[in-house]
Protein backbone atom coordinates (compact mmCIF):
# COMPACT_ATOMS: atom_id res chain seq x y z
CA MET A 1 -19.35 5.23 27.39
CA ALA A 2 -20.36 7.03 23.72
CA GLU A 3 -16.68 8.21 22.21
CA LEU A 4 -15.96 10.43 18.93
CA LYS A 5 -14.32 8.34 15.95
CA ILE A 6 -11.99 9.98 13.87
CA GLU A 7 -11.42 7.58 11.71
CA CYS A 8 -8.52 8.03 9.03
CA PHE A 9 -9.34 6.38 5.44
CA ASN A 10 -6.34 7.16 3.97
CA LYS A 11 -2.97 5.98 6.53
CA LYS A 12 -2.48 4.93 9.98
CA ILE A 13 -2.43 7.50 12.42
CA HIS A 14 -3.38 7.30 16.66
CA LEU A 15 -6.44 9.83 16.76
CA ARG A 16 -7.86 8.21 19.92
CA LYS A 17 -6.50 11.40 21.90
CA ILE A 18 -7.39 14.03 19.85
CA ALA A 19 -10.87 12.49 19.49
CA GLU A 20 -11.63 11.97 23.54
CA ALA A 21 -9.74 15.66 23.78
CA VAL A 22 -12.09 17.73 21.27
CA TYR A 23 -15.48 15.47 23.36
CA SER A 24 -14.51 16.34 26.40
CA THR A 25 -13.83 20.11 26.13
CA LEU A 26 -17.19 20.60 24.17
CA GLY A 27 -18.80 18.09 26.09
CA GLN A 28 -20.33 15.73 24.24
CA LYS A 29 -22.43 12.75 25.03
CA ASP A 30 -23.17 10.52 22.36
CA ASP A 31 -21.47 8.66 19.28
CA LEU A 32 -20.18 10.57 17.25
CA LYS A 33 -18.03 9.86 13.93
CA VAL A 34 -16.03 11.92 11.83
CA GLU A 35 -13.57 10.90 8.31
CA LEU A 36 -10.40 12.27 7.98
CA GLY A 37 -8.05 11.69 4.94
CA PHE A 38 -4.15 13.21 4.24
CA VAL A 39 -4.27 14.74 0.05
CA SER A 40 -1.40 16.09 -1.97
CA GLU A 41 -1.06 19.78 -2.64
CA GLN A 42 -2.76 19.76 -6.32
CA GLU A 43 -5.66 17.75 -4.34
CA ILE A 44 -6.24 20.10 -1.83
CA GLN A 45 -5.97 23.12 -4.16
CA GLU A 46 -8.45 21.36 -6.24
CA TYR A 47 -10.83 20.79 -3.84
CA ASN A 48 -10.12 24.25 -2.27
CA ARG A 49 -11.20 25.75 -5.77
CA GLN A 50 -14.18 23.15 -6.15
CA THR A 51 -15.44 24.10 -3.16
CA ARG A 52 -14.68 27.41 -1.82
CA GLY A 53 -13.55 28.92 -5.23
CA VAL A 54 -9.92 29.86 -3.40
CA ASP A 55 -7.57 28.50 -5.82
CA LYS A 56 -5.04 27.96 -3.71
CA VAL A 57 -3.32 25.24 -1.31
CA THR A 58 -4.31 25.70 2.40
CA ASP A 59 -3.47 23.36 5.18
CA VAL A 60 -6.85 21.48 6.25
CA LEU A 61 -10.46 21.74 4.87
CA SER A 62 -13.44 21.13 6.83
CA TYR A 63 -17.00 19.59 5.76
CA PRO A 64 -19.27 19.96 7.87
CA THR A 65 -22.80 17.83 7.83
CA LEU A 66 -24.53 19.87 10.27
CA ASP A 67 -25.07 22.89 10.54
CA GLY A 68 -26.53 25.75 13.62
CA VAL A 69 -24.69 23.42 15.86
CA CYS A 70 -22.06 26.00 17.14
CA GLY A 71 -21.71 25.47 21.24
CA LYS A 72 -24.13 22.80 21.47
CA VAL A 73 -24.42 18.85 22.62
CA LEU A 74 -25.40 17.16 19.75
CA TYR A 75 -27.24 14.01 20.20
CA LYS A 76 -28.59 11.53 17.37
CA LYS A 77 -32.09 11.50 18.26
CA ASP A 78 -32.15 14.96 17.30
CA PHE A 79 -29.60 13.95 13.16
CA PRO A 80 -31.89 10.75 12.39
CA THR A 81 -30.71 11.36 8.93
CA ASP A 82 -27.56 11.63 9.41
CA LEU A 83 -26.65 8.45 11.19
CA ASP A 84 -23.50 6.16 9.86
CA GLY A 85 -24.78 3.23 12.10
CA LYS A 86 -24.14 3.58 15.71
CA TYR A 87 -22.70 7.28 15.03
CA LEU A 88 -23.49 10.78 14.02
CA PHE A 89 -21.81 12.05 11.11
CA LEU A 90 -20.32 14.97 12.16
CA GLY A 91 -18.32 15.64 8.32
CA SER A 92 -14.86 15.17 6.58
CA ILE A 93 -11.88 16.17 7.04
CA ILE A 94 -8.70 16.95 4.34
CA LEU A 95 -5.51 18.01 5.27
CA CYS A 96 -1.92 18.56 3.47
CA GLU A 97 0.89 16.64 4.06
CA GLN A 98 2.95 19.19 2.34
CA LYS A 99 1.49 21.72 4.29
CA ILE A 100 1.92 20.43 7.56
CA LYS A 101 5.76 19.60 6.70
CA SER A 102 6.12 22.96 5.41
CA GLN A 103 3.91 24.88 8.16
CA ALA A 104 6.04 22.85 11.17
CA LYS A 105 9.46 24.04 9.89
CA GLU A 106 8.20 27.42 10.08
CA TYR A 107 6.51 27.49 13.75
CA GLY A 108 9.36 25.30 15.13
CA HIS A 109 7.71 22.63 16.31
CA SER A 110 6.98 18.94 14.88
CA GLU A 111 5.25 17.73 12.34
CA LYS A 112 2.99 15.65 14.74
CA ARG A 113 2.38 19.05 16.41
CA GLU A 114 1.52 20.57 13.45
CA ARG A 115 -0.63 17.76 11.83
CA ASP A 116 -2.82 17.60 16.05
CA TYR A 117 -3.65 21.06 15.51
CA LEU A 118 -4.95 21.25 12.34
CA ILE A 119 -7.11 18.02 13.07
CA VAL A 120 -8.45 19.83 16.06
CA HIS A 121 -9.06 23.10 14.28
CA GLY A 122 -10.79 20.95 11.30
CA LEU A 123 -12.90 19.06 14.12
CA MET A 124 -13.69 22.62 15.49
CA HIS A 125 -15.16 23.34 12.19
CA LEU A 126 -17.50 20.46 12.00
CA PHE A 127 -18.92 21.46 15.41
CA GLY A 128 -19.66 24.17 14.27
CA TYR A 129 -17.06 26.47 15.45
CA ASP A 130 -15.61 29.81 12.60
CA HIS A 131 -13.21 32.02 11.88
CA THR A 132 -15.32 34.59 10.42
CA THR A 133 -15.81 37.74 12.73
CA ASP A 134 -12.85 38.18 15.33
CA GLN A 135 -15.65 37.40 18.16
CA ASP A 136 -15.90 33.82 16.79
CA LYS A 137 -12.79 33.37 15.74
CA ALA A 138 -11.49 34.30 19.88
CA LEU A 139 -14.18 31.73 20.56
CA MET A 140 -12.93 28.95 18.25
CA ARG A 141 -9.29 30.35 19.91
CA GLU A 142 -10.45 29.37 23.16
CA LYS A 143 -11.77 25.81 22.46
CA GLU A 144 -8.29 25.05 20.51
CA LYS A 145 -6.37 25.79 23.26
CA GLN A 146 -8.61 24.05 25.67
CA ALA A 147 -8.07 20.37 23.71
CA LEU A 148 -4.37 21.75 22.70
CA LYS A 149 -4.01 21.69 26.64
CA ILE A 150 -5.47 18.46 27.66
CA LEU A 151 -3.28 17.03 24.57
CA GLY A 152 -0.26 18.46 26.24
CA ILE A 153 0.34 21.37 23.66
CA GLU A 154 0.83 24.38 24.67
CA GLN A 155 0.22 27.36 21.85
């Protein structure tokens, strides 16, 4: 059976349910892979400054490897230069641990809930969804809500 594999390179957390929820929500059918990491406020600010020209701390950054894939079912055969072993590599997500903690407190929910939401959000970016226009934002939020519902997280 095909899967979305999320590899966290600097923290041990269970990601299988999140991967399955997003995979199911987006109707994916092939072996896909994402890398995930947690960094400090200073590190994410530096990434944000270097890659987006925004010199401030943020909660999550996504670095997709594929363009023009929003709403599409992805197949390895269509992206032969983006393979990582048996997986199609979709990109990287970086999360800021301090922002997860502060936002969870601010919004009145658990750190796990905030982290899971931000991972889903980052994954949606890797699958081509964005929030630059109101229409794009509505579509992305709809997909996020579907995945979060599967995870038992209501918004």
